[in-house]
Amino acid sequence: AGIVVNAISGGEGPKFLSVVPGLRLFRLLEYVPTLQNLLLSAIKASSPLANLFVFCFVCIFCVATVGRYMFGSDLDPLTRSNFGSQATSLLTIIQLFVGDSW
């Protein structure tokens, strides 16, 4: 089918046809109810996970703002790990949160 589409369209097929092989996985859900339950559970968990990410970002933003007023740019200016601006303070707190370069 891909060769026919390429021949008709002059080389490159429509972009929406690249999704068609992925849709075959949804047909598999009819035959495997456990997989269907797992997918539905993952979809239901997406809203609480989004709330968790928003809550974490608000906490990180608040800590970065407090760190900016407490420390300013007193830390090492050669590294990105200081609280000189709001962007660098957010980056510093995220580095501390994930344990990057510490």
PDB file of N, CA and C in Angstrom:
ATOM      1  N   ALA A   1       0.828  -1.195   0.000  1.00  0.00           N
ATOM      2  CA  ALA A   1       0.000   0.000   0.000  1.00  0.00           C
ATOM      3  C   ALA A   1       0.864   1.247   0.000  1.00  0.00           C
ATOM      4  N   GLY A   2       2.016   1.195   0.695  1.00  0.00           N
ATOM      5  CA  GLY A   2       2.901   2.346   0.761  1.00  0.00           C
ATOM      6  C   GLY A   2       3.488   2.689  -0.586  1.00  0.00           C
ATOM      7  N   ILE A   3       3.769   1.672  -1.419  1.00  0.00           N
ATOM      8  CA  ILE A   3       4.335   1.905  -2.743  1.00  0.00           C
ATOM      9  C   ILE A   3       3.310   2.583  -3.642  1.00  0.00           C
ATOM     10  N   VAL A   4       2.064   2.154  -3.531  1.00  0.00           N
ATOM     11  CA  VAL A   4       1.007   2.752  -4.344  1.00  0.00           C
ATOM     12  C   VAL A   4       0.799   4.212  -3.953  1.00  0.00           C
ATOM     13  N   VAL A   5       0.796   4.502  -2.655  1.00  0.00           N
ATOM     14  CA  VAL A   5       0.604   5.880  -2.195  1.00  0.00           C
ATOM     15  C   VAL A   5       1.767   6.747  -2.644  1.00  0.00           C
ATOM     16  N   ASN A   6       2.992   6.213  -2.572  1.00  0.00           N
ATOM     17  CA  ASN A   6       4.154   6.974  -3.023  1.00  0.00           C
ATOM     18  C   ASN A   6       4.096   7.234  -4.514  1.00  0.00           C
ATOM     19  N   ALA A   7       3.643   6.263  -5.283  1.00  0.00           N
ATOM     20  CA  ALA A   7       3.560   6.431  -6.731  1.00  0.00           C
ATOM     21  C   ALA A   7       2.500   7.458  -7.095  1.00  0.00           C
ATOM     22  N   ILE A   8       1.373   7.456  -6.394  1.00  0.00           N
ATOM     23  CA  ILE A   8       0.291   8.382  -6.720  1.00  0.00           C
ATOM     24  C   ILE A   8       0.640   9.812  -6.313  1.00  0.00           C
ATOM     25  N   SER A   9       1.226   9.970  -5.137  1.00  0.00           N
ATOM     26  CA  SER A   9       1.471  11.318  -4.627  1.00  0.00           C
ATOM     27  C   SER A   9       2.787  11.901  -5.113  1.00  0.00           C
ATOM     28  N   GLY A  10       3.564  11.141  -5.837  1.00  0.00           N
ATOM     29  CA  GLY A  10       4.793  11.697  -6.382  1.00  0.00           C
ATOM     30  C   GLY A  10       5.974  11.596  -5.442  1.00  0.00           C
ATOM     31  N   GLY A  11       6.056  10.599  -4.636  1.00  0.00           N
ATOM     32  CA  GLY A  11       7.249  10.403  -3.815  1.00  0.00           C
ATOM     33  C   GLY A  11       6.930  10.228  -2.351  1.00  0.00           C
ATOM     34  N   GLU A  12       6.324  11.215  -1.765  1.00  0.00           N
ATOM     35  CA  GLU A  12       6.075  11.134  -0.325  1.00  0.00           C
ATOM     36  C   GLU A  12       4.572  11.078  -0.082  1.00  0.00           C
ATOM     37  N   GLY A  13       4.145  10.079   0.690  1.00  0.00           N
ATOM     38  CA  GLY A  13       2.728   9.891   0.953  1.00  0.00           C
ATOM     39  C   GLY A  13       2.196  10.882   1.961  1.00  0.00           C
ATOM     40  N   PRO A  14       0.890  10.921   2.125  1.00  0.00           N
ATOM     41  CA  PRO A  14       0.297  11.799   3.138  1.00  0.00           C
ATOM     42  C   PRO A  14       0.760  11.406   4.537  1.00  0.00           C
ATOM     43  N   LYS A  15       0.926  12.394   5.360  1.00  0.00           N
ATOM     44  CA  LYS A  15       1.447  12.161   6.708  1.00  0.00           C
ATOM     45  C   LYS A  15       0.477  11.366   7.577  1.00  0.00           C
ATOM     46  N   PHE A  16      -0.819  11.495   7.345  1.00  0.00           N
ATOM     47  CA  PHE A  16      -1.777  10.808   8.202  1.00  0.00           C
ATOM     48  C   PHE A  16      -1.731   9.298   8.002  1.00  0.00           C
ATOM     49  N   LEU A  17      -1.218   8.823   6.889  1.00  0.00           N
ATOM     50  CA  LEU A  17      -1.141   7.385   6.664  1.00  0.00           C
ATOM     51  C   LEU A  17      -0.058   6.723   7.511  1.00  0.00           C
ATOM     52  N   SER A  18       0.866   7.508   8.052  1.00  0.00           N
ATOM     53  CA  SER A  18       1.892   6.926   8.914  1.00  0.00           C
ATOM     54  C   SER A  18       1.318   6.505  10.262  1.00  0.00           C
ATOM     55  N   VAL A  19       0.111   6.935  10.585  1.00  0.00           N
ATOM     56  CA  VAL A  19      -0.530   6.587  11.852  1.00  0.00           C
ATOM     57  C   VAL A  19      -1.255   5.247  11.754  1.00  0.00           C
ATOM     58  N   VAL A  20      -1.564   4.819  10.559  1.00  0.00           N
ATOM     59  CA  VAL A  20      -2.381   3.625  10.357  1.00  0.00           C
ATOM     60  C   VAL A  20      -1.777   2.370  11.002  1.00  0.00           C
ATOM     61  N   PRO A  21      -0.473   2.097  10.888  1.00  0.00           N
ATOM     62  CA  PRO A  21       0.049   0.900  11.571  1.00  0.00           C
ATOM     63  C   PRO A  21      -0.107   0.945  13.091  1.00  0.00           C
ATOM     64  N   GLY A  22      -0.060   2.131  13.667  1.00  0.00           N
ATOM     65  CA  GLY A  22      -0.264   2.262  15.106  1.00  0.00           C
ATOM     66  C   GLY A  22      -1.684   1.973  15.530  1.00  0.00           C
ATOM     67  N   LEU A  23      -2.628   2.187  14.624  1.00  0.00           N
ATOM     68  CA  LEU A  23      -4.028   1.928  14.950  1.00  0.00           C
ATOM     69  C   LEU A  23      -4.322   0.432  15.048  1.00  0.00           C
ATOM     70  N   ARG A  24      -3.457  -0.382  14.460  1.00  0.00           N
ATOM     71  CA  ARG A  24      -3.664  -1.828  14.566  1.00  0.00           C
ATOM     72  C   ARG A  24      -3.549  -2.302  16.015  1.00  0.00           C
ATOM     73  N   LEU A  25      -2.821  -1.576  16.817  1.00  0.00           N
ATOM     74  CA  LEU A  25      -2.702  -1.947  18.229  1.00  0.00           C
ATOM     75  C   LEU A  25      -4.043  -1.845  18.942  1.00  0.00           C
ATOM     76  N   PHE A  26      -4.870  -0.899  18.526  1.00  0.00           N
ATOM     77  CA  PHE A  26      -6.176  -0.763  19.161  1.00  0.00           C
ATOM     78  C   PHE A  26      -7.097  -1.933  18.826  1.00  0.00           C
ATOM     79  N   ARG A  27      -6.902  -2.549  17.668  1.00  0.00           N
ATOM     80  CA  ARG A  27      -7.668  -3.756  17.356  1.00  0.00           C
ATOM     81  C   ARG A  27      -7.272  -4.896  18.276  1.00  0.00           C
ATOM     82  N   LEU A  28      -6.029  -4.893  18.721  1.00  0.00           N
ATOM     83  CA  LEU A  28      -5.548  -5.920  19.642  1.00  0.00           C
ATOM     84  C   LEU A  28      -6.282  -5.847  20.979  1.00  0.00           C
ATOM     85  N   LEU A  29      -6.755  -4.671  21.343  1.00  0.00           N
ATOM     86  CA  LEU A  29      -7.446  -4.495  22.619  1.00  0.00           C
ATOM     87  C   LEU A  29      -8.727  -5.321  22.692  1.00  0.00           C
ATOM     88  N   GLU A  30      -9.340  -5.605  21.564  1.00  0.00           N
ATOM     89  CA  GLU A  30     -10.561  -6.415  21.571  1.00  0.00           C
ATOM     90  C   GLU A  30     -10.284  -7.842  22.014  1.00  0.00           C
ATOM     91  N   TYR A  31      -9.108  -8.328  21.690  1.00  0.00           N
ATOM     92  CA  TYR A  31      -8.777  -9.725  21.960  1.00  0.00           C
ATOM     93  C   TYR A  31      -8.059  -9.935  23.288  1.00  0.00           C
ATOM     94  N   VAL A  32      -7.506  -8.874  23.848  1.00  0.00           N
ATOM     95  CA  VAL A  32      -6.764  -8.985  25.113  1.00  0.00           C
ATOM     96  C   VAL A  32      -7.405  -8.030  26.118  1.00  0.00           C
ATOM     97  N   PRO A  33      -8.358  -8.511  26.924  1.00  0.00           N
ATOM     98  CA  PRO A  33      -9.046  -7.605  27.862  1.00  0.00           C
ATOM     99  C   PRO A  33      -8.121  -7.057  28.943  1.00  0.00           C
ATOM    100  N   THR A  34      -7.084  -7.801  29.303  1.00  0.00           N
ATOM    101  CA  THR A  34      -6.153  -7.304  30.307  1.00  0.00           C
ATOM    102  C   THR A  34      -5.421  -6.070  29.793  1.00  0.00           C
ATOM    103  N   LEU A  35      -5.038  -6.102  28.533  1.00  0.00           N
ATOM    104  CA  LEU A  35      -4.380  -4.950  27.925  1.00  0.00           C
ATOM    105  C   LEU A  35      -5.330  -3.755  27.851  1.00  0.00           C
ATOM    106  N   GLN A  36      -6.587  -4.035  27.592  1.00  0.00           N
ATOM    107  CA  GLN A  36      -7.585  -2.965  27.552  1.00  0.00           C
ATOM    108  C   GLN A  36      -7.739  -2.339  28.936  1.00  0.00           C
ATOM    109  N   ASN A  37      -7.770  -3.174  29.978  1.00  0.00           N
ATOM    110  CA  ASN A  37      -7.873  -2.639  31.345  1.00  0.00           C
ATOM    111  C   ASN A  37      -6.649  -1.810  31.712  1.00  0.00           C
ATOM    112  N   LEU A  38      -5.465  -2.248  31.275  1.00  0.00           N
ATOM    113  CA  LEU A  38      -4.256  -1.484  31.562  1.00  0.00           C
ATOM    114  C   LEU A  38      -4.272  -0.127  30.868  1.00  0.00           C
ATOM    115  N   LEU A  39      -4.716  -0.101  29.618  1.00  0.00           N
ATOM    116  CA  LEU A  39      -4.777   1.158  28.888  1.00  0.00           C
ATOM    117  C   LEU A  39      -5.797   2.102  29.521  1.00  0.00           C
ATOM    118  N   LEU A  40      -6.952   1.573  29.900  1.00  0.00           N
ATOM    119  CA  LEU A  40      -7.960   2.426  30.553  1.00  0.00           C
ATOM    120  C   LEU A  40      -7.466   2.950  31.894  1.00  0.00           C
ATOM    121  N   SER A  41      -6.724   2.129  32.637  1.00  0.00           N
ATOM    122  CA  SER A  41      -6.157   2.583  33.911  1.00  0.00           C
ATOM    123  C   SER A  41      -5.132   3.687  33.694  1.00  0.00           C
ATOM    124  N   ALA A  42      -4.320   3.544  32.643  1.00  0.00           N
ATOM    125  CA  ALA A  42      -3.332   4.583  32.350  1.00  0.00           C
ATOM    126  C   ALA A  42      -4.009   5.884  31.939  1.00  0.00           C
ATOM    127  N   ILE A  43      -5.086   5.790  31.188  1.00  0.00           N
ATOM    128  CA  ILE A  43      -5.813   7.004  30.777  1.00  0.00           C
ATOM    129  C   ILE A  43      -6.460   7.668  31.983  1.00  0.00           C
ATOM    130  N   LYS A  44      -7.026   6.861  32.886  1.00  0.00           N
ATOM    131  CA  LYS A  44      -7.649   7.432  34.089  1.00  0.00           C
ATOM    132  C   LYS A  44      -6.616   8.059  35.021  1.00  0.00           C
ATOM    133  N   ALA A  45      -5.371   7.565  34.992  1.00  0.00           N
ATOM    134  CA  ALA A  45      -4.323   8.085  35.870  1.00  0.00           C
ATOM    135  C   ALA A  45      -3.672   9.341  35.315  1.00  0.00           C
ATOM    136  N   SER A  46      -3.986   9.726  34.094  1.00  0.00           N
ATOM    137  CA  SER A  46      -3.323  10.881  33.499  1.00  0.00           C
ATOM    138  C   SER A  46      -3.733  12.194  34.171  1.00  0.00           C
ATOM    139  N   SER A  47      -4.974  12.320  34.580  1.00  0.00           N
ATOM    140  CA  SER A  47      -5.412  13.551  35.240  1.00  0.00           C
ATOM    141  C   SER A  47      -4.746  13.744  36.609  1.00  0.00           C
ATOM    142  N   PRO A  48      -4.715  12.715  37.471  1.00  0.00           N
ATOM    143  CA  PRO A  48      -3.985  12.909  38.732  1.00  0.00           C
ATOM    144  C   PRO A  48      -2.491  13.154  38.533  1.00  0.00           C
ATOM    145  N   LEU A  49      -1.903  12.549  37.517  1.00  0.00           N
ATOM    146  CA  LEU A  49      -0.485  12.798  37.257  1.00  0.00           C
ATOM    147  C   LEU A  49      -0.261  14.231  36.803  1.00  0.00           C
ATOM    148  N   ALA A  50      -1.157  14.762  35.990  1.00  0.00           N
ATOM    149  CA  ALA A  50      -1.038  16.164  35.580  1.00  0.00           C
ATOM    150  C   ALA A  50      -1.162  17.081  36.788  1.00  0.00           C
ATOM    151  N   ASN A  51      -2.078  16.773  37.694  1.00  0.00           N
ATOM    152  CA  ASN A  51      -2.206  17.565  38.922  1.00  0.00           C
ATOM    153  C   ASN A  51      -0.934  17.498  39.759  1.00  0.00           C
ATOM    154  N   LEU A  52      -0.316  16.325  39.823  1.00  0.00           N
ATOM    155  CA  LEU A  52       0.926  16.168  40.575  1.00  0.00           C
ATOM    156  C   LEU A  52       2.043  17.006  39.972  1.00  0.00           C
ATOM    157  N   PHE A  53       2.151  17.010  38.637  1.00  0.00           N
ATOM    158  CA  PHE A  53       3.186  17.807  37.989  1.00  0.00           C
ATOM    159  C   PHE A  53       2.963  19.297  38.204  1.00  0.00           C
ATOM    160  N   VAL A  54       1.725  19.742  38.161  1.00  0.00           N
ATOM    161  CA  VAL A  54       1.435  21.161  38.409  1.00  0.00           C
ATOM    162  C   VAL A  54       1.772  21.518  39.851  1.00  0.00           C
ATOM    163  N   PHE A  55       1.424  20.651  40.793  1.00  0.00           N
ATOM    164  CA  PHE A  55       1.743  20.895  42.198  1.00  0.00           C
ATOM    165  C   PHE A  55       3.253  20.962  42.413  1.00  0.00           C
ATOM    166  N   CYS A  56       3.992  20.027  41.801  1.00  0.00           N
ATOM    167  CA  CYS A  56       5.456  20.041  41.927  1.00  0.00           C
ATOM    168  C   CYS A  56       6.036  21.318  41.328  1.00  0.00           C
ATOM    169  N   PHE A  57       5.517  21.756  40.176  1.00  0.00           N
ATOM    170  CA  PHE A  57       6.032  22.978  39.564  1.00  0.00           C
ATOM    171  C   PHE A  57       5.756  24.195  40.445  1.00  0.00           C
ATOM    172  N   VAL A  58       4.584  24.261  41.048  1.00  0.00           N
ATOM    173  CA  VAL A  58       4.274  25.394  41.928  1.00  0.00           C
ATOM    174  C   VAL A  58       5.215  25.390  43.136  1.00  0.00           C
ATOM    175  N   CYS A  59       5.457  24.211  43.701  1.00  0.00           N
ATOM    176  CA  CYS A  59       6.390  24.125  44.838  1.00  0.00           C
ATOM    177  C   CYS A  59       7.801  24.521  44.431  1.00  0.00           C
ATOM    178  N   ILE A  60       8.251  24.042  43.273  1.00  0.00           N
ATOM    179  CA  ILE A  60       9.587  24.390  42.787  1.00  0.00           C
ATOM    180  C   ILE A  60       9.680  25.886  42.514  1.00  0.00           C
ATOM    181  N   PHE A  61       8.642  26.467  41.951  1.00  0.00           N
ATOM    182  CA  PHE A  61       8.628  27.902  41.685  1.00  0.00           C
ATOM    183  C   PHE A  61       8.710  28.694  42.984  1.00  0.00           C
ATOM    184  N   CYS A  62       7.975  28.271  44.004  1.00  0.00           N
ATOM    185  CA  CYS A  62       8.000  28.977  45.292  1.00  0.00           C
ATOM    186  C   CYS A  62       9.366  28.877  45.956  1.00  0.00           C
ATOM    187  N   VAL A  63       9.961  27.692  45.941  1.00  0.00           N
ATOM    188  CA  VAL A  63      11.286  27.517  46.550  1.00  0.00           C
ATOM    189  C   VAL A  63      12.333  28.312  45.776  1.00  0.00           C
ATOM    190  N   ALA A  64      12.222  28.359  44.445  1.00  0.00           N
ATOM    191  CA  ALA A  64      13.163  29.134  43.639  1.00  0.00           C
ATOM    192  C   ALA A  64      13.047  30.624  43.935  1.00  0.00           C
ATOM    193  N   THR A  65      11.826  31.100  44.142  1.00  0.00           N
ATOM    194  CA  THR A  65      11.628  32.514  44.454  1.00  0.00           C
ATOM    195  C   THR A  65      12.194  32.845  45.828  1.00  0.00           C
ATOM    196  N   VAL A  66      11.955  31.990  46.802  1.00  0.00           N
ATOM    197  CA  VAL A  66      12.518  32.211  48.146  1.00  0.00           C
ATOM    198  C   VAL A  66      14.043  32.149  48.096  1.00  0.00           C
ATOM    199  N   GLY A  67      14.586  31.187  47.358  1.00  0.00           N
ATOM    200  CA  GLY A  67      16.046  31.085  47.219  1.00  0.00           C
ATOM    201  C   GLY A  67      16.637  32.294  46.531  1.00  0.00           C
ATOM    202  N   ARG A  68      15.914  32.854  45.600  1.00  0.00           N
ATOM    203  CA  ARG A  68      16.401  34.051  44.904  1.00  0.00           C
ATOM    204  C   ARG A  68      16.509  35.230  45.861  1.00  0.00           C
ATOM    205  N   TYR A  69      15.538  35.365  46.754  1.00  0.00           N
ATOM    206  CA  TYR A  69      15.596  36.474  47.711  1.00  0.00           C
ATOM    207  C   TYR A  69      16.575  36.208  48.843  1.00  0.00           C
ATOM    208  N   MET A  70      16.776  34.951  49.205  1.00  0.00           N
ATOM    209  CA  MET A  70      17.707  34.633  50.290  1.00  0.00           C
ATOM    210  C   MET A  70      19.157  34.658  49.831  1.00  0.00           C
ATOM    211  N   PHE A  71      19.440  34.049  48.664  1.00  0.00           N
ATOM    212  CA  PHE A  71      20.828  33.888  48.247  1.00  0.00           C
ATOM    213  C   PHE A  71      21.245  34.859  47.150  1.00  0.00           C
ATOM    214  N   GLY A  72      20.336  35.260  46.314  1.00  0.00           N
ATOM    215  CA  GLY A  72      20.690  36.135  45.198  1.00  0.00           C
ATOM    216  C   GLY A  72      21.672  35.439  44.277  1.00  0.00           C
ATOM    217  N   SER A  73      22.696  36.154  43.868  1.00  0.00           N
ATOM    218  CA  SER A  73      23.730  35.544  43.025  1.00  0.00           C
ATOM    219  C   SER A  73      25.012  35.339  43.820  1.00  0.00           C
ATOM    220  N   ASP A  74      24.893  35.020  45.106  1.00  0.00           N
ATOM    221  CA  ASP A  74      26.053  34.843  45.972  1.00  0.00           C
ATOM    222  C   ASP A  74      26.815  33.557  45.688  1.00  0.00           C
ATOM    223  N   LEU A  75      26.177  32.600  45.047  1.00  0.00           N
ATOM    224  CA  LEU A  75      26.842  31.343  44.783  1.00  0.00           C
ATOM    225  C   LEU A  75      27.811  31.490  43.622  1.00  0.00           C
ATOM    226  N   ASP A  76      28.473  30.421  43.272  1.00  0.00           N
ATOM    227  CA  ASP A  76      29.508  30.425  42.257  1.00  0.00           C
ATOM    228  C   ASP A  76      28.971  30.937  40.913  1.00  0.00           C
ATOM    229  N   PRO A  77      29.503  32.076  40.418  1.00  0.00           N
ATOM    230  CA  PRO A  77      28.977  32.604  39.153  1.00  0.00           C
ATOM    231  C   PRO A  77      29.434  31.828  37.921  1.00  0.00           C
ATOM    232  N   LEU A  78      30.422  30.953  38.060  1.00  0.00           N
ATOM    233  CA  LEU A  78      30.912  30.193  36.911  1.00  0.00           C
ATOM    234  C   LEU A  78      29.985  29.053  36.536  1.00  0.00           C
ATOM    235  N   THR A  79      29.224  28.583  37.475  1.00  0.00           N
ATOM    236  CA  THR A  79      28.288  27.498  37.186  1.00  0.00           C
ATOM    237  C   THR A  79      26.896  28.074  36.977  1.00  0.00           C
ATOM    238  N   ARG A  80      25.999  27.233  36.484  1.00  0.00           N
ATOM    239  CA  ARG A  80      24.614  27.667  36.320  1.00  0.00           C
ATOM    240  C   ARG A  80      23.848  27.561  37.633  1.00  0.00           C
ATOM    241  N   SER A  81      24.469  27.024  38.650  1.00  0.00           N
ATOM    242  CA  SER A  81      23.782  26.753  39.905  1.00  0.00           C
ATOM    243  C   SER A  81      23.849  27.961  40.832  1.00  0.00           C
ATOM    244  N   ASN A  82      23.102  28.975  40.519  1.00  0.00           N
ATOM    245  CA  ASN A  82      22.960  30.113  41.417  1.00  0.00           C
ATOM    246  C   ASN A  82      21.526  30.608  41.333  1.00  0.00           C
ATOM    247  N   PHE A  83      21.238  31.621  42.095  1.00  0.00           N
ATOM    248  CA  PHE A  83      19.874  32.144  42.159  1.00  0.00           C
ATOM    249  C   PHE A  83      19.825  33.584  41.643  1.00  0.00           C
ATOM    250  N   GLY A  84      20.638  33.900  40.630  1.00  0.00           N
ATOM    251  CA  GLY A  84      20.746  35.265  40.126  1.00  0.00           C
ATOM    252  C   GLY A  84      19.481  35.780  39.462  1.00  0.00           C
ATOM    253  N   SER A  85      18.803  34.944  38.714  1.00  0.00           N
ATOM    254  CA  SER A  85      17.546  35.346  38.071  1.00  0.00           C
ATOM    255  C   SER A  85      16.522  34.243  38.314  1.00  0.00           C
ATOM    256  N   GLN A  86      15.287  34.528  37.922  1.00  0.00           N
ATOM    257  CA  GLN A  86      14.237  33.534  38.152  1.00  0.00           C
ATOM    258  C   GLN A  86      14.489  32.275  37.324  1.00  0.00           C
ATOM    259  N   ALA A  87      14.977  32.443  36.102  1.00  0.00           N
ATOM    260  CA  ALA A  87      15.232  31.281  35.248  1.00  0.00           C
ATOM    261  C   ALA A  87      16.360  30.418  35.804  1.00  0.00           C
ATOM    262  N   THR A  88      17.454  31.041  36.227  1.00  0.00           N
ATOM    263  CA  THR A  88      18.559  30.242  36.773  1.00  0.00           C
ATOM    264  C   THR A  88      18.198  29.650  38.128  1.00  0.00           C
ATOM    265  N   SER A  89      17.374  30.333  38.896  1.00  0.00           N
ATOM    266  CA  SER A  89      16.963  29.758  40.177  1.00  0.00           C
ATOM    267  C   SER A  89      16.047  28.556  39.970  1.00  0.00           C
ATOM    268  N   LEU A  90      15.153  28.621  38.956  1.00  0.00           N
ATOM    269  CA  LEU A  90      14.331  27.448  38.630  1.00  0.00           C
ATOM    270  C   LEU A  90      15.209  26.284  38.182  1.00  0.00           C
ATOM    271  N   LEU A  91      16.199  26.582  37.352  1.00  0.00           N
ATOM    272  CA  LEU A  91      17.112  25.541  36.892  1.00  0.00           C
ATOM    273  C   LEU A  91      17.887  24.938  38.057  1.00  0.00           C
ATOM    274  N   THR A  92      18.334  25.770  38.992  1.00  0.00           N
ATOM    275  CA  THR A  92      19.069  25.276  40.156  1.00  0.00           C
ATOM    276  C   THR A  92      18.203  24.370  41.022  1.00  0.00           C
ATOM    277  N   ILE A  93      16.974  24.758  41.264  1.00  0.00           N
ATOM    278  CA  ILE A  93      16.085  23.938  42.090  1.00  0.00           C
ATOM    279  C   ILE A  93      15.741  22.634  41.389  1.00  0.00           C
ATOM    280  N   ILE A  94      15.530  22.676  40.070  1.00  0.00           N
ATOM    281  CA  ILE A  94      15.254  21.431  39.342  1.00  0.00           C
ATOM    282  C   ILE A  94      16.477  20.534  39.369  1.00  0.00           C
ATOM    283  N   GLN A  95      17.688  21.118  39.280  1.00  0.00           N
ATOM    284  CA  GLN A  95      18.913  20.309  39.404  1.00  0.00           C
ATOM    285  C   GLN A  95      18.996  19.665  40.780  1.00  0.00           C
ATOM    286  N   LEU A  96      18.630  20.403  41.807  1.00  0.00           N
ATOM    287  CA  LEU A  96      18.637  19.822  43.158  1.00  0.00           C
ATOM    288  C   LEU A  96      17.563  18.753  43.280  1.00  0.00           C
ATOM    289  N   PHE A  97      16.417  18.964  42.660  1.00  0.00           N
ATOM    290  CA  PHE A  97      15.301  18.038  42.752  1.00  0.00           C
ATOM    291  C   PHE A  97      15.627  16.695  42.104  1.00  0.00           C
ATOM    292  N   VAL A  98      16.303  16.730  40.945  1.00  0.00           N
ATOM    293  CA  VAL A  98      16.609  15.483  40.237  1.00  0.00           C
ATOM    294  C   VAL A  98      17.999  14.969  40.542  1.00  0.00           C
ATOM    295  N   GLY A  99      18.823  15.734  41.260  1.00  0.00           N
ATOM    296  CA  GLY A  99      20.159  15.271  41.642  1.00  0.00           C
ATOM    297  C   GLY A  99      21.174  15.415  40.528  1.00  0.00           C
ATOM    298  N   ASP A 100      21.011  16.369  39.644  1.00  0.00           N
ATOM    299  CA  ASP A 100      21.918  16.565  38.533  1.00  0.00           C
ATOM    300  C   ASP A 100      23.115  17.416  38.968  1.00  0.00           C
ATOM    301  N   SER A 101      24.313  16.913  38.761  1.00  0.00           N
ATOM    302  CA  SER A 101      25.587  17.641  39.012  1.00  0.00           C
ATOM    303  C   SER A 101      25.763  18.039  40.474  1.00  0.00           C
ATOM    304  N   TRP A 102      25.302  17.230  41.391  1.00  0.00           N
ATOM    305  CA  TRP A 102      25.500  17.574  42.792  1.00  0.00           C
ATOM    306  C   TRP A 102      26.174  16.431  43.490  1.00  0.00           C
TER     307      TRP A 102
END
